[in-house]
Amino acid sequence: MIAEHRAASRRVLISIAKSASHNAKRSSIALEIPFEIIKDGGIYQVFDGSMIKTASLRKAIIDKSGLTKGSRICLK
């Protein structure tokens, strides 16, 4: 029961995040503001129909021992 609730909550959260991302992209295009996307292991800046790769991402291998409740996101 609890697992089902968590899964449903996660789906709702993903849906809200996708919607917010889509709206931000539309607004940036309408206002002619460059925006960044993460795609295929890279960060790209999009402006006026062109995509320029600005950074590369690599998967971090971390030691999961001793973790506490919470999350950390680190982009390098």
PDB file of N, CA and C in Angstrom:
ATOM      1  N   MET A   1       0.819  -1.187   0.000  1.00  0.00           N
ATOM      2  CA  MET A   1       0.000   0.000   0.000  1.00  0.00           C
ATOM      3  C   MET A   1       0.866   1.255   0.000  1.00  0.00           C
ATOM      4  N   ILE A   2       1.857   1.310   0.891  1.00  0.00           N
ATOM      5  CA  ILE A   2       2.733   2.476   0.967  1.00  0.00           C
ATOM      6  C   ILE A   2       3.568   2.596  -0.310  1.00  0.00           C
ATOM      7  N   ALA A   3       4.041   1.459  -0.833  1.00  0.00           N
ATOM      8  CA  ALA A   3       4.844   1.475  -2.056  1.00  0.00           C
ATOM      9  C   ALA A   3       4.029   1.999  -3.232  1.00  0.00           C
ATOM     10  N   GLU A   4       2.759   1.614  -3.304  1.00  0.00           N
ATOM     11  CA  GLU A   4       1.886   2.099  -4.375  1.00  0.00           C
ATOM     12  C   GLU A   4       1.696   3.612  -4.275  1.00  0.00           C
ATOM     13  N   HIS A   5       1.537   4.093  -3.054  1.00  0.00           N
ATOM     14  CA  HIS A   5       1.358   5.538  -2.837  1.00  0.00           C
ATOM     15  C   HIS A   5       2.617   6.299  -3.247  1.00  0.00           C
ATOM     16  N   ARG A   6       3.784   5.752  -2.895  1.00  0.00           N
ATOM     17  CA  ARG A   6       5.044   6.395  -3.268  1.00  0.00           C
ATOM     18  C   ARG A   6       5.214   6.418  -4.777  1.00  0.00           C
ATOM     19  N   ALA A   7       4.856   5.328  -5.435  1.00  0.00           N
ATOM     20  CA  ALA A   7       4.969   5.252  -6.892  1.00  0.00           C
ATOM     21  C   ALA A   7       4.038   6.267  -7.548  1.00  0.00           C
ATOM     22  N   ALA A   8       2.820   6.380  -7.037  1.00  0.00           N
ATOM     23  CA  ALA A   8       1.864   7.342  -7.586  1.00  0.00           C
ATOM     24  C   ALA A   8       2.360   8.770  -7.349  1.00  0.00           C
ATOM     25  N   SER A   9       2.892   9.039  -6.160  1.00  0.00           N
ATOM     26  CA  SER A   9       3.424  10.369  -5.859  1.00  0.00           C
ATOM     27  C   SER A   9       4.593  10.703  -6.770  1.00  0.00           C
ATOM     28  N   ARG A  10       5.423   9.710  -7.033  1.00  0.00           N
ATOM     29  CA  ARG A  10       6.579   9.927  -7.910  1.00  0.00           C
ATOM     30  C   ARG A  10       6.119  10.241  -9.326  1.00  0.00           C
ATOM     31  N   ARG A  11       5.097   9.521  -9.815  1.00  0.00           N
ATOM     32  CA  ARG A  11       4.572   9.789 -11.158  1.00  0.00           C
ATOM     33  C   ARG A  11       4.007  11.196 -11.256  1.00  0.00           C
ATOM     34  N   VAL A  12       3.305  11.631 -10.230  1.00  0.00           N
ATOM     35  CA  VAL A  12       2.749  12.994 -10.213  1.00  0.00           C
ATOM     36  C   VAL A  12       3.874  14.018 -10.224  1.00  0.00           C
ATOM     37  N   LEU A  13       4.892  13.806  -9.427  1.00  0.00           N
ATOM     38  CA  LEU A  13       6.025  14.720  -9.369  1.00  0.00           C
ATOM     39  C   LEU A  13       6.741  14.799 -10.718  1.00  0.00           C
ATOM     40  N   ILE A  14       6.941  13.664 -11.370  1.00  0.00           N
ATOM     41  CA  ILE A  14       7.573  13.637 -12.692  1.00  0.00           C
ATOM     42  C   ILE A  14       6.725  14.402 -13.699  1.00  0.00           C
ATOM     43  N   SER A  15       5.433  14.210 -13.648  1.00  0.00           N
ATOM     44  CA  SER A  15       4.520  14.913 -14.553  1.00  0.00           C
ATOM     45  C   SER A  15       4.599  16.425 -14.356  1.00  0.00           C
ATOM     46  N   ILE A  16       4.615  16.869 -13.112  1.00  0.00           N
ATOM     47  CA  ILE A  16       4.706  18.304 -12.817  1.00  0.00           C
ATOM     48  C   ILE A  16       6.039  18.864 -13.304  1.00  0.00           C
ATOM     49  N   ALA A  17       7.126  18.127 -13.085  1.00  0.00           N
ATOM     50  CA  ALA A  17       8.451  18.585 -13.514  1.00  0.00           C
ATOM     51  C   ALA A  17       8.539  18.693 -15.031  1.00  0.00           C
ATOM     52  N   LYS A  18       7.989  17.703 -15.742  1.00  0.00           N
ATOM     53  CA  LYS A  18       7.993  17.755 -17.209  1.00  0.00           C
ATOM     54  C   LYS A  18       7.182  18.933 -17.721  1.00  0.00           C
ATOM     55  N   SER A  19       6.044  19.178 -17.113  1.00  0.00           N
ATOM     56  CA  SER A  19       5.199  20.297 -17.510  1.00  0.00           C
ATOM     57  C   SER A  19       5.905  21.631 -17.279  1.00  0.00           C
ATOM     58  N   ALA A  20       6.554  21.775 -16.125  1.00  0.00           N
ATOM     59  CA  ALA A  20       7.284  23.009 -15.813  1.00  0.00           C
ATOM     60  C   ALA A  20       8.430  23.215 -16.795  1.00  0.00           C
ATOM     61  N   SER A  21       9.136  22.141 -17.129  1.00  0.00           N
ATOM     62  CA  SER A  21      10.245  22.228 -18.069  1.00  0.00           C
ATOM     63  C   SER A  21       9.752  22.652 -19.454  1.00  0.00           C
ATOM     64  N   HIS A  22       8.659  22.058 -19.891  1.00  0.00           N
ATOM     65  CA  HIS A  22       8.077  22.396 -21.198  1.00  0.00           C
ATOM     66  C   HIS A  22       7.633  23.858 -21.236  1.00  0.00           C
ATOM     67  N   ASN A  23       6.984  24.320 -20.166  1.00  0.00           N
ATOM     68  CA  ASN A  23       6.540  25.711 -20.107  1.00  0.00           C
ATOM     69  C   ASN A  23       7.713  26.679 -20.104  1.00  0.00           C
ATOM     70  N   ALA A  24       8.787  26.348 -19.378  1.00  0.00           N
ATOM     71  CA  ALA A  24       9.982  27.202 -19.342  1.00  0.00           C
ATOM     72  C   ALA A  24      10.624  27.280 -20.725  1.00  0.00           C
ATOM     73  N   LYS A  25      10.658  26.154 -21.427  1.00  0.00           N
ATOM     74  CA  LYS A  25      11.221  26.131 -22.780  1.00  0.00           C
ATOM     75  C   LYS A  25      10.400  27.011 -23.715  1.00  0.00           C
ATOM     76  N   ARG A  26       9.081  26.884 -23.660  1.00  0.00           N
ATOM     77  CA  ARG A  26       8.211  27.712 -24.512  1.00  0.00           C
ATOM     78  C   ARG A  26       8.385  29.193 -24.220  1.00  0.00           C
ATOM     79  N   SER A  27       8.473  29.541 -22.932  1.00  0.00           N
ATOM     80  CA  SER A  27       8.652  30.944 -22.542  1.00  0.00           C
ATOM     81  C   SER A  27       9.988  31.478 -23.037  1.00  0.00           C
ATOM     82  N   SER A  28      11.039  30.671 -22.906  1.00  0.00           N
ATOM     83  CA  SER A  28      12.365  31.102 -23.359  1.00  0.00           C
ATOM     84  C   SER A  28      12.382  31.351 -24.862  1.00  0.00           C
ATOM     85  N   ILE A  29      11.737  30.478 -25.607  1.00  0.00           N
ATOM     86  CA  ILE A  29      11.673  30.653 -27.062  1.00  0.00           C
ATOM     87  C   ILE A  29      10.877  31.909 -27.405  1.00  0.00           C
ATOM     88  N   ALA A  30       9.741  32.110 -26.748  1.00  0.00           N
ATOM     89  CA  ALA A  30       8.895  33.279 -27.029  1.00  0.00           C
ATOM     90  C   ALA A  30       9.611  34.584 -26.687  1.00  0.00           C
ATOM     91  N   LEU A  31      10.407  34.580 -25.617  1.00  0.00           N
ATOM     92  CA  LEU A  31      11.115  35.790 -25.187  1.00  0.00           C
ATOM     93  C   LEU A  31      12.512  35.901 -25.791  1.00  0.00           C
ATOM     94  N   GLU A  32      12.869  34.944 -26.651  1.00  0.00           N
ATOM     95  CA  GLU A  32      14.180  34.906 -27.305  1.00  0.00           C
ATOM     96  C   GLU A  32      15.323  34.901 -26.294  1.00  0.00           C
ATOM     97  N   ILE A  33      15.173  34.074 -25.266  1.00  0.00           N
ATOM     98  CA  ILE A  33      16.192  33.906 -24.232  1.00  0.00           C
ATOM     99  C   ILE A  33      16.827  32.528 -24.435  1.00  0.00           C
ATOM    100  N   PRO A  34      18.163  32.445 -24.466  1.00  0.00           N
ATOM    101  CA  PRO A  34      18.778  31.122 -24.605  1.00  0.00           C
ATOM    102  C   PRO A  34      18.496  30.251 -23.374  1.00  0.00           C
ATOM    103  N   PHE A  35      18.398  28.951 -23.595  1.00  0.00           N
ATOM    104  CA  PHE A  35      18.173  28.026 -22.494  1.00  0.00           C
ATOM    105  C   PHE A  35      19.082  26.828 -22.670  1.00  0.00           C
ATOM    106  N   GLU A  36      19.252  26.061 -21.601  1.00  0.00           N
ATOM    107  CA  GLU A  36      20.144  24.910 -21.627  1.00  0.00           C
ATOM    108  C   GLU A  36      19.359  23.624 -21.450  1.00  0.00           C
ATOM    109  N   ILE A  37      19.804  22.590 -22.136  1.00  0.00           N
ATOM    110  CA  ILE A  37      19.213  21.263 -21.986  1.00  0.00           C
ATOM    111  C   ILE A  37      20.337  20.258 -21.735  1.00  0.00           C
ATOM    112  N   ILE A  38      19.999  19.180 -21.069  1.00  0.00           N
ATOM    113  CA  ILE A  38      20.936  18.075 -20.868  1.00  0.00           C
ATOM    114  C   ILE A  38      20.488  16.951 -21.780  1.00  0.00           C
ATOM    115  N   LYS A  39      21.382  16.528 -22.660  1.00  0.00           N
ATOM    116  CA  LYS A  39      21.028  15.507 -23.652  1.00  0.00           C
ATOM    117  C   LYS A  39      22.281  14.708 -24.003  1.00  0.00           C
ATOM    118  N   ASP A  40      22.168  13.410 -24.042  1.00  0.00           N
ATOM    119  CA  ASP A  40      23.251  12.520 -24.469  1.00  0.00           C
ATOM    120  C   ASP A  40      24.568  12.810 -23.760  1.00  0.00           C
ATOM    121  N   GLY A  41      24.526  13.022 -22.455  1.00  0.00           N
ATOM    122  CA  GLY A  41      25.747  13.216 -21.684  1.00  0.00           C
ATOM    123  C   GLY A  41      26.405  14.565 -21.860  1.00  0.00           C
ATOM    124  N   GLY A  42      25.668  15.547 -22.346  1.00  0.00           N
ATOM    125  CA  GLY A  42      26.231  16.883 -22.523  1.00  0.00           C
ATOM    126  C   GLY A  42      25.223  17.948 -22.166  1.00  0.00           C
ATOM    127  N   ILE A  43      25.720  19.148 -21.897  1.00  0.00           N
ATOM    128  CA  ILE A  43      24.850  20.299 -21.655  1.00  0.00           C
ATOM    129  C   ILE A  43      24.943  21.176 -22.897  1.00  0.00           C
ATOM    130  N   TYR A  44      23.797  21.478 -23.472  1.00  0.00           N
ATOM    131  CA  TYR A  44      23.729  22.261 -24.693  1.00  0.00           C
ATOM    132  C   TYR A  44      22.990  23.565 -24.433  1.00  0.00           C
ATOM    133  N   GLN A  45      23.475  24.653 -25.035  1.00  0.00           N
ATOM    134  CA  GLN A  45      22.765  25.923 -24.979  1.00  0.00           C
ATOM    135  C   GLN A  45      22.016  26.068 -26.299  1.00  0.00           C
ATOM    136  N   VAL A  46      20.719  26.330 -26.205  1.00  0.00           N
ATOM    137  CA  VAL A  46      19.874  26.435 -27.383  1.00  0.00           C
ATOM    138  C   VAL A  46      19.442  27.877 -27.539  1.00  0.00           C
ATOM    139  N   PHE A  47      19.670  28.414 -28.738  1.00  0.00           N
ATOM    140  CA  PHE A  47      19.227  29.772 -29.029  1.00  0.00           C
ATOM    141  C   PHE A  47      19.038  29.903 -30.528  1.00  0.00           C
ATOM    142  N   ASP A  48      17.909  30.449 -30.903  1.00  0.00           N
ATOM    143  CA  ASP A  48      17.604  30.733 -32.309  1.00  0.00           C
ATOM    144  C   ASP A  48      17.750  29.498 -33.194  1.00  0.00           C
ATOM    145  N   GLY A  49      17.310  28.344 -32.679  1.00  0.00           N
ATOM    146  CA  GLY A  49      17.313  27.122 -33.467  1.00  0.00           C
ATOM    147  C   GLY A  49      18.628  26.373 -33.522  1.00  0.00           C
ATOM    148  N   SER A  50      19.678  26.881 -32.892  1.00  0.00           N
ATOM    149  CA  SER A  50      20.958  26.171 -32.914  1.00  0.00           C
ATOM    150  C   SER A  50      21.302  25.663 -31.518  1.00  0.00           C
ATOM    151  N   MET A  51      21.958  24.491 -31.479  1.00  0.00           N
ATOM    152  CA  MET A  51      22.384  23.886 -30.216  1.00  0.00           C
ATOM    153  C   MET A  51      23.904  23.888 -30.162  1.00  0.00           C
ATOM    154  N   ILE A  52      24.452  24.486 -29.110  1.00  0.00           N
ATOM    155  CA  ILE A  52      25.898  24.535 -28.926  1.00  0.00           C
ATOM    156  C   ILE A  52      26.238  23.775 -27.653  1.00  0.00           C
ATOM    157  N   LYS A  53      27.137  22.798 -27.761  1.00  0.00           N
ATOM    158  CA  LYS A  53      27.530  22.004 -26.594  1.00  0.00           C
ATOM    159  C   LYS A  53      28.436  22.854 -25.710  1.00  0.00           C
ATOM    160  N   THR A  54      28.029  23.049 -24.458  1.00  0.00           N
ATOM    161  CA  THR A  54      28.799  23.895 -23.545  1.00  0.00           C
ATOM    162  C   THR A  54      29.560  23.092 -22.492  1.00  0.00           C
ATOM    163  N   ALA A  55      29.142  21.855 -22.233  1.00  0.00           N
ATOM    164  CA  ALA A  55      29.826  21.037 -21.232  1.00  0.00           C
ATOM    165  C   ALA A  55      29.495  19.563 -21.459  1.00  0.00           C
ATOM    166  N   SER A  56      30.348  18.706 -20.933  1.00  0.00           N
ATOM    167  CA  SER A  56      30.119  17.260 -20.976  1.00  0.00           C
ATOM    168  C   SER A  56      29.904  16.756 -19.562  1.00  0.00           C
ATOM    169  N   LEU A  57      29.066  15.765 -19.431  1.00  0.00           N
ATOM    170  CA  LEU A  57      28.806  15.143 -18.139  1.00  0.00           C
ATOM    171  C   LEU A  57      29.352  13.730 -18.154  1.00  0.00           C
ATOM    172  N   ARG A  58      29.820  13.296 -17.015  1.00  0.00           N
ATOM    173  CA  ARG A  58      30.214  11.899 -16.886  1.00  0.00           C
ATOM    174  C   ARG A  58      29.561  11.348 -15.629  1.00  0.00           C
ATOM    175  N   LYS A  59      29.231  10.094 -15.695  1.00  0.00           N
ATOM    176  CA  LYS A  59      28.553   9.458 -14.577  1.00  0.00           C
ATOM    177  C   LYS A  59      29.511   9.337 -13.391  1.00  0.00           C
ATOM    178  N   ALA A  60      29.053   9.786 -12.246  1.00  0.00           N
ATOM    179  CA  ALA A  60      29.873   9.711 -11.037  1.00  0.00           C
ATOM    180  C   ALA A  60      29.654   8.371 -10.357  1.00  0.00           C
ATOM    181  N   ILE A  61      30.732   7.752  -9.949  1.00  0.00           N
ATOM    182  CA  ILE A  61      30.661   6.513  -9.186  1.00  0.00           C
ATOM    183  C   ILE A  61      30.879   6.904  -7.733  1.00  0.00           C
ATOM    184  N   ILE A  62      29.887   6.622  -6.901  1.00  0.00           N
ATOM    185  CA  ILE A  62      29.963   7.061  -5.510  1.00  0.00           C
ATOM    186  C   ILE A  62      29.900   5.872  -4.568  1.00  0.00           C
ATOM    187  N   ASP A  63      30.439   6.069  -3.401  1.00  0.00           N
ATOM    188  CA  ASP A  63      30.362   5.068  -2.345  1.00  0.00           C
ATOM    189  C   ASP A  63      29.069   5.326  -1.579  1.00  0.00           C
ATOM    190  N   LYS A  64      28.181   4.367  -1.563  1.00  0.00           N
ATOM    191  CA  LYS A  64      26.873   4.564  -0.952  1.00  0.00           C
ATOM    192  C   LYS A  64      26.832   4.196   0.525  1.00  0.00           C
ATOM    193  N   SER A  65      27.937   3.818   1.096  1.00  0.00           N
ATOM    194  CA  SER A  65      27.928   3.451   2.510  1.00  0.00           C
ATOM    195  C   SER A  65      27.864   4.702   3.370  1.00  0.00           C
ATOM    196  N   GLY A  66      27.147   4.625   4.455  1.00  0.00           N
ATOM    197  CA  GLY A  66      27.054   5.739   5.395  1.00  0.00           C
ATOM    198  C   GLY A  66      26.159   6.884   4.944  1.00  0.00           C
ATOM    199  N   LEU A  67      25.298   6.630   3.975  1.00  0.00           N
ATOM    200  CA  LEU A  67      24.392   7.688   3.525  1.00  0.00           C
ATOM    201  C   LEU A  67      23.286   7.917   4.548  1.00  0.00           C
ATOM    202  N   THR A  68      22.833   9.146   4.651  1.00  0.00           N
ATOM    203  CA  THR A  68      21.696   9.470   5.503  1.00  0.00           C
ATOM    204  C   THR A  68      20.525   9.850   4.610  1.00  0.00           C
ATOM    205  N   LYS A  69      19.389  10.094   5.219  1.00  0.00           N
ATOM    206  CA  LYS A  69      18.202  10.435   4.440  1.00  0.00           C
ATOM    207  C   LYS A  69      18.426  11.777   3.756  1.00  0.00           C
ATOM    208  N   GLY A  70      18.169  11.863   2.486  1.00  0.00           N
ATOM    209  CA  GLY A  70      18.367  13.089   1.721  1.00  0.00           C
ATOM    210  C   GLY A  70      19.060  12.778   0.416  1.00  0.00           C
ATOM    211  N   SER A  71      19.182  13.781  -0.421  1.00  0.00           N
ATOM    212  CA  SER A  71      19.804  13.599  -1.718  1.00  0.00           C
ATOM    213  C   SER A  71      20.764  14.752  -1.993  1.00  0.00           C
ATOM    214  N   ARG A  72      21.764  14.459  -2.799  1.00  0.00           N
ATOM    215  CA  ARG A  72      22.716  15.472  -3.241  1.00  0.00           C
ATOM    216  C   ARG A  72      22.852  15.373  -4.736  1.00  0.00           C
ATOM    217  N   ILE A  73      22.780  16.501  -5.410  1.00  0.00           N
ATOM    218  CA  ILE A  73      22.968  16.524  -6.860  1.00  0.00           C
ATOM    219  C   ILE A  73      24.209  17.357  -7.140  1.00  0.00           C
ATOM    220  N   CYS A  74      25.101  16.832  -7.934  1.00  0.00           N
ATOM    221  CA  CYS A  74      26.346  17.541  -8.243  1.00  0.00           C
ATOM    222  C   CYS A  74      26.628  17.426  -9.727  1.00  0.00           C
ATOM    223  N   LEU A  75      26.633  18.557 -10.437  1.00  0.00           N
ATOM    224  CA  LEU A  75      26.996  18.572 -11.856  1.00  0.00           C
ATOM    225  C   LEU A  75      28.387  19.177 -11.983  1.00  0.00           C
ATOM    226  N   LYS A  76      29.227  18.517 -12.723  1.00  0.00           N
ATOM    227  CA  LYS A  76      30.590  19.033 -12.938  1.00  0.00           C
ATOM    228  C   LYS A  76      30.857  19.163 -14.403  1.00  0.00           C
TER     229      LYS A  76
END
